[in-house]
PDB file of N, CA and C in Angstrom:
ATOM      1  N   MET A   1       0.849  -1.171   0.000  1.00  0.00           N
ATOM      2  CA  MET A   1       0.000   0.000   0.000  1.00  0.00           C
ATOM      3  C   MET A   1       0.894   1.234   0.000  1.00  0.00           C
ATOM      4  N   LYS A   2       0.628   2.125  -0.935  1.00  0.00           N
ATOM      5  CA  LYS A   2       1.399   3.353  -1.053  1.00  0.00           C
ATOM      6  C   LYS A   2       0.433   4.539  -1.109  1.00  0.00           C
ATOM      7  N   ILE A   3       0.720   5.576  -0.331  1.00  0.00           N
ATOM      8  CA  ILE A   3      -0.091   6.796  -0.332  1.00  0.00           C
ATOM      9  C   ILE A   3       0.396   7.673  -1.473  1.00  0.00           C
ATOM     10  N   ILE A   4      -0.517   8.013  -2.396  1.00  0.00           N
ATOM     11  CA  ILE A   4      -0.102   8.820  -3.537  1.00  0.00           C
ATOM     12  C   ILE A   4      -0.678  10.234  -3.525  1.00  0.00           C
ATOM     13  N   GLU A   5      -1.684  10.466  -2.720  1.00  0.00           N
ATOM     14  CA  GLU A   5      -2.288  11.797  -2.683  1.00  0.00           C
ATOM     15  C   GLU A   5      -3.111  11.929  -1.407  1.00  0.00           C
ATOM     16  N   SER A   6      -3.272  13.167  -0.931  1.00  0.00           N
ATOM     17  CA  SER A   6      -4.090  13.360   0.264  1.00  0.00           C
ATOM     18  C   SER A   6      -4.774  14.721   0.236  1.00  0.00           C
ATOM     19  N   THR A   7      -5.916  14.781   0.910  1.00  0.00           N
ATOM     20  CA  THR A   7      -6.590  16.044   1.184  1.00  0.00           C
ATOM     21  C   THR A   7      -6.906  16.050   2.676  1.00  0.00           C
ATOM     22  N   ILE A   8      -6.894  17.228   3.251  1.00  0.00           N
ATOM     23  CA  ILE A   8      -7.108  17.337   4.693  1.00  0.00           C
ATOM     24  C   ILE A   8      -7.973  18.564   4.979  1.00  0.00           C
ATOM     25  N   GLU A   9      -8.827  18.404   5.972  1.00  0.00           N
ATOM     26  CA  GLU A   9      -9.699  19.504   6.374  1.00  0.00           C
ATOM     27  C   GLU A   9      -9.865  19.466   7.890  1.00  0.00           C
ATOM     28  N   LEU A  10      -9.668  20.617   8.519  1.00  0.00           N
ATOM     29  CA  LEU A  10      -9.901  20.729   9.951  1.00  0.00           C
ATOM     30  C   LEU A  10     -11.398  20.684  10.193  1.00  0.00           C
ATOM     31  N   LEU A  11     -11.836  19.820  11.097  1.00  0.00           N
ATOM     32  CA  LEU A  11     -13.259  19.725  11.429  1.00  0.00           C
ATOM     33  C   LEU A  11     -13.571  20.729  12.527  1.00  0.00           C
ATOM     34  N   GLU A  12     -14.546  21.566  12.264  1.00  0.00           N
ATOM     35  CA  GLU A  12     -14.960  22.575  13.232  1.00  0.00           C
ATOM     36  C   GLU A  12     -15.877  21.934  14.270  1.00  0.00           C
ATOM     37  N   ASP A  13     -15.755  22.380  15.508  1.00  0.00           N
ATOM     38  CA  ASP A  13     -16.599  21.923  16.603  1.00  0.00           C
ATOM     39  C   ASP A  13     -17.271  23.151  17.214  1.00  0.00           C
ATOM     40  N   PRO A  14     -18.343  23.646  16.576  1.00  0.00           N
ATOM     41  CA  PRO A  14     -18.949  24.908  17.009  1.00  0.00           C
ATOM     42  C   PRO A  14     -19.518  24.873  18.428  1.00  0.00           C
ATOM     43  N   PHE A  15     -19.810  23.687  18.943  1.00  0.00           N
ATOM     44  CA  PHE A  15     -20.402  23.595  20.275  1.00  0.00           C
ATOM     45  C   PHE A  15     -19.373  23.267  21.356  1.00  0.00           C
ATOM     46  N   GLY A  16     -18.126  23.037  20.966  1.00  0.00           N
ATOM     47  CA  GLY A  16     -17.072  22.753  21.931  1.00  0.00           C
ATOM     48  C   GLY A  16     -17.237  21.434  22.651  1.00  0.00           C
ATOM     49  N   ILE A  17     -17.840  20.475  21.989  1.00  0.00           N
ATOM     50  CA  ILE A  17     -18.082  19.168  22.604  1.00  0.00           C
ATOM     51  C   ILE A  17     -16.796  18.338  22.670  1.00  0.00           C
ATOM     52  N   LEU A  18     -15.994  18.412  21.616  1.00  0.00           N
ATOM     53  CA  LEU A  18     -14.779  17.610  21.532  1.00  0.00           C
ATOM     54  C   LEU A  18     -13.572  18.407  22.009  1.00  0.00           C
ATOM     55  N   SER A  19     -12.682  17.737  22.698  1.00  0.00           N
ATOM     56  CA  SER A  19     -11.433  18.398  23.076  1.00  0.00           C
ATOM     57  C   SER A  19     -10.387  18.098  22.014  1.00  0.00           C
ATOM     58  N   GLY A  20      -9.417  18.955  21.885  1.00  0.00           N
ATOM     59  CA  GLY A  20      -8.371  18.753  20.895  1.00  0.00           C
ATOM     60  C   GLY A  20      -8.841  19.133  19.508  1.00  0.00           C
ATOM     61  N   GLU A  21      -8.082  18.680  18.508  1.00  0.00           N
ATOM     62  CA  GLU A  21      -8.399  18.972  17.112  1.00  0.00           C
ATOM     63  C   GLU A  21      -8.738  17.678  16.387  1.00  0.00           C
ATOM     64  N   ARG A  22      -9.634  17.779  15.409  1.00  0.00           N
ATOM     65  CA  ARG A  22     -10.014  16.644  14.573  1.00  0.00           C
ATOM     66  C   ARG A  22      -9.855  17.058  13.117  1.00  0.00           C
ATOM     67  N   TYR A  23      -9.308  16.172  12.316  1.00  0.00           N
ATOM     68  CA  TYR A  23      -9.118  16.408  10.895  1.00  0.00           C
ATOM     69  C   TYR A  23      -9.764  15.277  10.115  1.00  0.00           C
ATOM     70  N   GLU A  24     -10.428  15.635   9.022  1.00  0.00           N
ATOM     71  CA  GLU A  24     -10.913  14.628   8.085  1.00  0.00           C
ATOM     72  C   GLU A  24      -9.873  14.557   6.970  1.00  0.00           C
ATOM     73  N   ILE A  25      -9.345  13.366   6.754  1.00  0.00           N
ATOM     74  CA  ILE A  25      -8.275  13.180   5.786  1.00  0.00           C
ATOM     75  C   ILE A  25      -8.678  12.089   4.803  1.00  0.00           C
ATOM     76  N   PHE A  26      -8.479  12.374   3.520  1.00  0.00           N
ATOM     77  CA  PHE A  26      -8.678  11.382   2.469  1.00  0.00           C
ATOM     78  C   PHE A  26      -7.322  11.061   1.872  1.00  0.00           C
ATOM     79  N   LEU A  27      -6.964   9.780   1.873  1.00  0.00           N
ATOM     80  CA  LEU A  27      -5.714   9.326   1.280  1.00  0.00           C
ATOM     81  C   LEU A  27      -6.024   8.472   0.060  1.00  0.00           C
ATOM     82  N   THR A  28      -5.489   8.852  -1.085  1.00  0.00           N
ATOM     83  CA  THR A  28      -5.605   8.027  -2.284  1.00  0.00           C
ATOM     84  C   THR A  28      -4.473   7.007  -2.225  1.00  0.00           C
ATOM     85  N   LEU A  29      -4.827   5.744  -2.393  1.00  0.00           N
ATOM     86  CA  LEU A  29      -3.858   4.665  -2.205  1.00  0.00           C
ATOM     87  C   LEU A  29      -3.549   3.942  -3.509  1.00  0.00           C
ATOM     88  N   GLU A  30      -2.329   3.483  -3.614  1.00  0.00           N
ATOM     89  CA  GLU A  30      -1.934   2.571  -4.679  1.00  0.00           C
ATOM     90  C   GLU A  30      -1.783   1.209  -4.021  1.00  0.00           C
ATOM     91  N   VAL A  31      -2.582   0.244  -4.486  1.00  0.00           N
ATOM     92  CA  VAL A  31      -2.597  -1.083  -3.883  1.00  0.00           C
ATOM     93  C   VAL A  31      -2.178  -2.100  -4.933  1.00  0.00           C
ATOM     94  N   ASP A  32      -1.286  -2.996  -4.564  1.00  0.00           N
ATOM     95  CA  ASP A  32      -0.814  -4.041  -5.467  1.00  0.00           C
ATOM     96  C   ASP A  32      -1.981  -4.914  -5.916  1.00  0.00           C
ATOM     97  N   GLU A  33      -1.962  -5.309  -7.181  1.00  0.00           N
ATOM     98  CA  GLU A  33      -3.048  -6.121  -7.747  1.00  0.00           C
ATOM     99  C   GLU A  33      -3.265  -7.435  -7.005  1.00  0.00           C
ATOM    100  N   GLU A  34      -2.243  -7.950  -6.358  1.00  0.00           N
ATOM    101  CA  GLU A  34      -2.356  -9.223  -5.648  1.00  0.00           C
ATOM    102  C   GLU A  34      -2.879  -9.057  -4.221  1.00  0.00           C
ATOM    103  N   ASP A  35      -3.010  -7.827  -3.764  1.00  0.00           N
ATOM    104  CA  ASP A  35      -3.525  -7.543  -2.425  1.00  0.00           C
ATOM    105  C   ASP A  35      -5.041  -7.719  -2.442  1.00  0.00           C
ATOM    106  N   GLU A  36      -5.609  -8.299  -1.382  1.00  0.00           N
ATOM    107  CA  GLU A  36      -7.059  -8.501  -1.324  1.00  0.00           C
ATOM    108  C   GLU A  36      -7.835  -7.192  -1.307  1.00  0.00           C
ATOM    109  N   LEU A  37      -7.181  -6.097  -0.953  1.00  0.00           N
ATOM    110  CA  LEU A  37      -7.802  -4.775  -0.930  1.00  0.00           C
ATOM    111  C   LEU A  37      -7.903  -4.157  -2.322  1.00  0.00           C
ATOM    112  N   PHE A  38      -7.173  -4.690  -3.283  1.00  0.00           N
ATOM    113  CA  PHE A  38      -7.129  -4.119  -4.628  1.00  0.00           C
ATOM    114  C   PHE A  38      -8.526  -4.037  -5.249  1.00  0.00           C
ATOM    115  N   SER A  39      -8.772  -2.923  -5.940  1.00  0.00           N
ATOM    116  CA  SER A  39     -10.001  -2.737  -6.712  1.00  0.00           C
ATOM    117  C   SER A  39      -9.641  -1.994  -7.988  1.00  0.00           C
ATOM    118  N   GLU A  40     -10.209  -2.416  -9.096  1.00  0.00           N
ATOM    119  CA  GLU A  40      -9.960  -1.719 -10.362  1.00  0.00           C
ATOM    120  C   GLU A  40     -10.532  -0.304 -10.345  1.00  0.00           C
ATOM    121  N   HIS A  41     -11.408  -0.019  -9.402  1.00  0.00           N
ATOM    122  CA  HIS A  41     -12.009   1.314  -9.265  1.00  0.00           C
ATOM    123  C   HIS A  41     -11.087   2.281  -8.526  1.00  0.00           C
ATOM    124  N   GLY A  42     -10.048   1.756  -7.900  1.00  0.00           N
ATOM    125  CA  GLY A  42      -9.162   2.572  -7.075  1.00  0.00           C
ATOM    126  C   GLY A  42      -9.653   2.604  -5.640  1.00  0.00           C
ATOM    127  N   ILE A  43      -8.741   2.867  -4.737  1.00  0.00           N
ATOM    128  CA  ILE A  43      -9.055   2.830  -3.306  1.00  0.00           C
ATOM    129  C   ILE A  43      -8.606   4.135  -2.650  1.00  0.00           C
ATOM    130  N   LYS A  44      -9.449   4.622  -1.747  1.00  0.00           N
ATOM    131  CA  LYS A  44      -9.041   5.730  -0.894  1.00  0.00           C
ATOM    132  C   LYS A  44      -9.355   5.352   0.545  1.00  0.00           C
ATOM    133  N   LEU A  45      -8.669   6.008   1.442  1.00  0.00           N
ATOM    134  CA  LEU A  45      -8.869   5.789   2.867  1.00  0.00           C
ATOM    135  C   LEU A  45      -9.380   7.097   3.449  1.00  0.00           C
ATOM    136  N   LYS A  46     -10.572   7.050   4.012  1.00  0.00           N
ATOM    137  CA  LYS A  46     -11.156   8.228   4.669  1.00  0.00           C
ATOM    138  C   LYS A  46     -10.955   8.034   6.163  1.00  0.00           C
ATOM    139  N   LEU A  47     -10.374   9.033   6.818  1.00  0.00           N
ATOM    140  CA  LEU A  47     -10.144   8.859   8.241  1.00  0.00           C
ATOM    141  C   LEU A  47     -10.337  10.152   9.016  1.00  0.00           C
ATOM    142  N   ILE A  48     -10.612   9.967  10.287  1.00  0.00           N
ATOM    143  CA  ILE A  48     -10.656  11.069  11.240  1.00  0.00           C
ATOM    144  C   ILE A  48      -9.391  10.933  12.076  1.00  0.00           C
ATOM    145  N   PHE A  49      -8.585  11.994  12.038  1.00  0.00           N
ATOM    146  CA  PHE A  49      -7.315  12.019  12.757  1.00  0.00           C
ATOM    147  C   PHE A  49      -7.467  12.995  13.909  1.00  0.00           C
ATOM    148  N   ALA A  50      -7.190  12.533  15.117  1.00  0.00           N
ATOM    149  CA  ALA A  50      -7.404  13.346  16.317  1.00  0.00           C
ATOM    150  C   ALA A  50      -6.079  13.679  16.993  1.00  0.00           C
ATOM    151  N   ILE A  51      -5.989  14.917  17.471  1.00  0.00           N
ATOM    152  CA  ILE A  51      -4.832  15.355  18.255  1.00  0.00           C
ATOM    153  C   ILE A  51      -5.362  15.969  19.539  1.00  0.00           C
ATOM    154  N   GLU A  52      -4.906  15.417  20.658  1.00  0.00           N
ATOM    155  CA  GLU A  52      -5.350  15.900  21.963  1.00  0.00           C
ATOM    156  C   GLU A  52      -4.206  15.732  22.948  1.00  0.00           C
ATOM    157  N   ASN A  53      -3.899  16.791  23.675  1.00  0.00           N
ATOM    158  CA  ASN A  53      -2.819  16.767  24.668  1.00  0.00           C
ATOM    159  C   ASN A  53      -1.504  16.257  24.061  1.00  0.00           C
ATOM    160  N   ASN A  54      -1.156  16.758  22.884  1.00  0.00           N
ATOM    161  CA  ASN A  54       0.070  16.379  22.166  1.00  0.00           C
ATOM    162  C   ASN A  54       0.140  14.896  21.804  1.00  0.00           C
ATOM    163  N   GLU A  55      -0.982  14.211  21.850  1.00  0.00           N
ATOM    164  CA  GLU A  55      -1.075  12.814  21.434  1.00  0.00           C
ATOM    165  C   GLU A  55      -1.929  12.763  20.180  1.00  0.00           C
ATOM    166  N   SER A  56      -1.503  11.974  19.200  1.00  0.00           N
ATOM    167  CA  SER A  56      -2.294  11.846  17.978  1.00  0.00           C
ATOM    168  C   SER A  56      -2.727  10.391  17.797  1.00  0.00           C
ATOM    169  N   LYS A  57      -3.873  10.240  17.116  1.00  0.00           N
ATOM    170  CA  LYS A  57      -4.371   8.892  16.853  1.00  0.00           C
ATOM    171  C   LYS A  57      -5.336   8.917  15.676  1.00  0.00           C
ATOM    172  N   ILE A  58      -5.504   7.764  15.085  1.00  0.00           N
ATOM    173  CA  ILE A  58      -6.527   7.582  14.061  1.00  0.00           C
ATOM    174  C   ILE A  58      -7.795   7.203  14.818  1.00  0.00           C
ATOM    175  N   ALA A  59      -8.761   8.112  14.821  1.00  0.00           N
ATOM    176  CA  ALA A  59      -9.987   7.888  15.597  1.00  0.00           C
ATOM    177  C   ALA A  59     -10.956   6.961  14.872  1.00  0.00           C
ATOM    178  N   GLN A  60     -10.961   7.030  13.541  1.00  0.00           N
ATOM    179  CA  GLN A  60     -11.888   6.228  12.746  1.00  0.00           C
ATOM    180  C   GLN A  60     -11.374   6.214  11.315  1.00  0.00           C
ATOM    181  N   TYR A  61     -11.660   5.122  10.598  1.00  0.00           N
ATOM    182  CA  TYR A  61     -11.295   5.087   9.182  1.00  0.00           C
ATOM    183  C   TYR A  61     -12.173   4.114   8.412  1.00  0.00           C
ATOM    184  N   ASP A  62     -12.271   4.354   7.110  1.00  0.00           N
ATOM    185  CA  ASP A  62     -12.973   3.464   6.189  1.00  0.00           C
ATOM    186  C   ASP A  62     -12.211   3.427   4.869  1.00  0.00           C
ATOM    187  N   PHE A  63     -12.119   2.235   4.291  1.00  0.00           N
ATOM    188  CA  PHE A  63     -11.631   2.095   2.923  1.00  0.00           C
ATOM    189  C   PHE A  63     -12.825   2.285   1.996  1.00  0.00           C
ATOM    190  N   ILE A  64     -12.636   3.053   0.925  1.00  0.00           N
ATOM    191  CA  ILE A  64     -13.727   3.364   0.007  1.00  0.00           C
ATOM    192  C   ILE A  64     -13.224   3.199  -1.425  1.00  0.00           C
ATOM    193  N   GLU A  65     -14.055   2.576  -2.282  1.00  0.00           N
ATOM    194  CA  GLU A  65     -13.730   2.520  -3.711  1.00  0.00           C
ATOM    195  C   GLU A  65     -13.910   3.918  -4.295  1.00  0.00           C
ATOM    196  N   ASN A  66     -12.957   4.350  -5.104  1.00  0.00           N
ATOM    197  CA  ASN A  66     -12.991   5.718  -5.645  1.00  0.00           C
ATOM    198  C   ASN A  66     -14.228   6.006  -6.477  1.00  0.00           C
ATOM    199  N   THR A  67     -14.497   5.210  -7.481  1.00  0.00           N
ATOM    200  CA  THR A  67     -15.564   5.564  -8.415  1.00  0.00           C
ATOM    201  C   THR A  67     -16.953   5.182  -7.920  1.00  0.00           C
ATOM    202  N   THR A  68     -17.067   4.139  -7.109  1.00  0.00           N
ATOM    203  CA  THR A  68     -18.380   3.693  -6.652  1.00  0.00           C
ATOM    204  C   THR A  68     -18.768   4.259  -5.282  1.00  0.00           C
ATOM    205  N   GLU A  69     -17.776   4.764  -4.525  1.00  0.00           N
ATOM    206  CA  GLU A  69     -17.980   5.267  -3.163  1.00  0.00           C
ATOM    207  C   GLU A  69     -18.449   4.159  -2.212  1.00  0.00           C
ATOM    208  N   LYS A  70     -18.257   2.916  -2.595  1.00  0.00           N
ATOM    209  CA  LYS A  70     -18.643   1.776  -1.762  1.00  0.00           C
ATOM    210  C   LYS A  70     -17.643   1.617  -0.616  1.00  0.00           C
ATOM    211  N   VAL A  71     -18.168   1.493   0.615  1.00  0.00           N
ATOM    212  CA  VAL A  71     -17.320   1.275   1.786  1.00  0.00           C
ATOM    213  C   VAL A  71     -16.938  -0.199   1.829  1.00  0.00           C
ATOM    214  N   LEU A  72     -15.645  -0.456   1.997  1.00  0.00           N
ATOM    215  CA  LEU A  72     -15.128  -1.819   2.013  1.00  0.00           C
ATOM    216  C   LEU A  72     -14.818  -2.235   3.445  1.00  0.00           C
ATOM    217  N   ASP A  73     -15.082  -3.488   3.748  1.00  0.00           N
ATOM    218  CA  ASP A  73     -14.892  -4.003   5.101  1.00  0.00           C
ATOM    219  C   ASP A  73     -13.488  -4.595   5.248  1.00  0.00           C
ATOM    220  N   PHE A  74     -12.502  -3.710   5.386  1.00  0.00           N
ATOM    221  CA  PHE A  74     -11.120  -4.112   5.591  1.00  0.00           C
ATOM    222  C   PHE A  74     -10.558  -3.317   6.756  1.00  0.00           C
ATOM    223  N   ALA A  75      -9.506  -3.846   7.356  1.00  0.00           N
ATOM    224  CA  ALA A  75      -8.833  -3.156   8.451  1.00  0.00           C
ATOM    225  C   ALA A  75      -7.359  -2.972   8.099  1.00  0.00           C
ATOM    226  N   LEU A  76      -6.782  -1.929   8.635  1.00  0.00           N
ATOM    227  CA  LEU A  76      -5.347  -1.714   8.495  1.00  0.00           C
ATOM    228  C   LEU A  76      -4.614  -2.706   9.390  1.00  0.00           C
ATOM    229  N   ASP A  77      -3.522  -3.279   8.877  1.00  0.00           N
ATOM    230  CA  ASP A  77      -2.713  -4.082   9.786  1.00  0.00           C
ATOM    231  C   ASP A  77      -1.839  -3.122  10.598  1.00  0.00           C
ATOM    232  N   GLU A  78      -1.136  -3.627  11.555  1.00  0.00           N
ATOM    233  CA  GLU A  78      -0.384  -2.780  12.481  1.00  0.00           C
ATOM    234  C   GLU A  78       0.640  -1.893  11.763  1.00  0.00           C
ATOM    235  N   ASP A  79       1.378  -2.451  10.819  1.00  0.00           N
ATOM    236  CA  ASP A  79       2.380  -1.680  10.074  1.00  0.00           C
ATOM    237  C   ASP A  79       1.724  -0.590   9.225  1.00  0.00           C
ATOM    238  N   GLU A  80       0.613  -0.931   8.563  1.00  0.00           N
ATOM    239  CA  GLU A  80      -0.093   0.056   7.741  1.00  0.00           C
ATOM    240  C   GLU A  80      -0.652   1.182   8.596  1.00  0.00           C
ATOM    241  N   GLU A  81      -1.184   0.825   9.753  1.00  0.00           N
ATOM    242  CA  GLU A  81      -1.738   1.848  10.644  1.00  0.00           C
ATOM    243  C   GLU A  81      -0.642   2.816  11.091  1.00  0.00           C
ATOM    244  N   GLN A  82       0.535   2.290  11.406  1.00  0.00           N
ATOM    245  CA  GLN A  82       1.645   3.151  11.807  1.00  0.00           C
ATOM    246  C   GLN A  82       2.088   4.033  10.639  1.00  0.00           C
ATOM    247  N   GLN A  83       2.124   3.477   9.429  1.00  0.00           N
ATOM    248  CA  GLN A  83       2.490   4.247   8.237  1.00  0.00           C
ATOM    249  C   GLN A  83       1.511   5.400   8.016  1.00  0.00           C
ATOM    250  N   VAL A  84       0.222   5.110   8.107  1.00  0.00           N
ATOM    251  CA  VAL A  84      -0.811   6.135   7.907  1.00  0.00           C
ATOM    252  C   VAL A  84      -0.744   7.187   9.003  1.00  0.00           C
ATOM    253  N   LYS A  85      -0.572   6.765  10.241  1.00  0.00           N
ATOM    254  CA  LYS A  85      -0.488   7.706  11.363  1.00  0.00           C
ATOM    255  C   LYS A  85       0.711   8.642  11.182  1.00  0.00           C
ATOM    256  N   SER A  86       1.856   8.097  10.820  1.00  0.00           N
ATOM    257  CA  SER A  86       3.048   8.926  10.602  1.00  0.00           C
ATOM    258  C   SER A  86       2.834   9.916   9.466  1.00  0.00           C
ATOM    259  N   TYR A  87       2.222   9.456   8.396  1.00  0.00           N
ATOM    260  CA  TYR A  87       1.924  10.333   7.258  1.00  0.00           C
ATOM    261  C   TYR A  87       1.019  11.477   7.701  1.00  0.00           C
ATOM    262  N   CYS A  88      -0.036  11.156   8.434  1.00  0.00           N
ATOM    263  CA  CYS A  88      -0.984  12.178   8.892  1.00  0.00           C
ATOM    264  C   CYS A  88      -0.314  13.176   9.838  1.00  0.00           C
ATOM    265  N   GLU A  89       0.554  12.704  10.726  1.00  0.00           N
ATOM    266  CA  GLU A  89       1.273  13.602  11.620  1.00  0.00           C
ATOM    267  C   GLU A  89       2.122  14.596  10.823  1.00  0.00           C
ATOM    268  N   GLN A  90       2.781  14.119   9.771  1.00  0.00           N
ATOM    269  CA  GLN A  90       3.601  14.989   8.937  1.00  0.00           C
ATOM    270  C   GLN A  90       2.743  16.021   8.205  1.00  0.00           C
ATOM    271  N   VAL A  91       1.621  15.583   7.657  1.00  0.00           N
ATOM    272  CA  VAL A  91       0.740  16.495   6.921  1.00  0.00           C
ATOM    273  C   VAL A  91       0.160  17.558   7.853  1.00  0.00           C
ATOM    274  N   VAL A  92      -0.300  17.164   9.014  1.00  0.00           N
ATOM    275  CA  VAL A  92      -0.889  18.113   9.970  1.00  0.00           C
ATOM    276  C   VAL A  92       0.169  19.106  10.450  1.00  0.00           C
ATOM    277  N   ALA A  93       1.391  18.665  10.617  1.00  0.00           N
ATOM    278  CA  ALA A  93       2.467  19.543  11.086  1.00  0.00           C
ATOM    279  C   ALA A  93       2.771  20.660  10.095  1.00  0.00           C
ATOM    280  N   THR A  94       2.442  20.455   8.823  1.00  0.00           N
ATOM    281  CA  THR A  94       2.715  21.470   7.806  1.00  0.00           C
ATOM    282  C   THR A  94       1.606  22.503   7.678  1.00  0.00           C
ATOM    283  N   LEU A  95       0.490  22.303   8.377  1.00  0.00           N
ATOM    284  CA  LEU A  95      -0.628  23.246   8.287  1.00  0.00           C
ATOM    285  C   LEU A  95      -0.361  24.523   9.064  1.00  0.00           C
TER     286      LEU A  95
END
């Protein structure tokens, strides 16, 4: 799995319910054809990235087919989750 593109948006909390910051991030992924996650439609990862008390985490995520917008029932393995978290930390740091 390789991240080839991303978009990020700070989520506003007008009522002050959530502490810290939340970002909605879309990652366009390149997935090997032999990977079970592969789709000819392309794959993106939609996630909510949270930062609170100088700690960051992936609060929620979904794999989505690009052209169909179908949510896929897959999970990140431990290495992939760390890769995505590190990528998101770098992107947020540049804002």
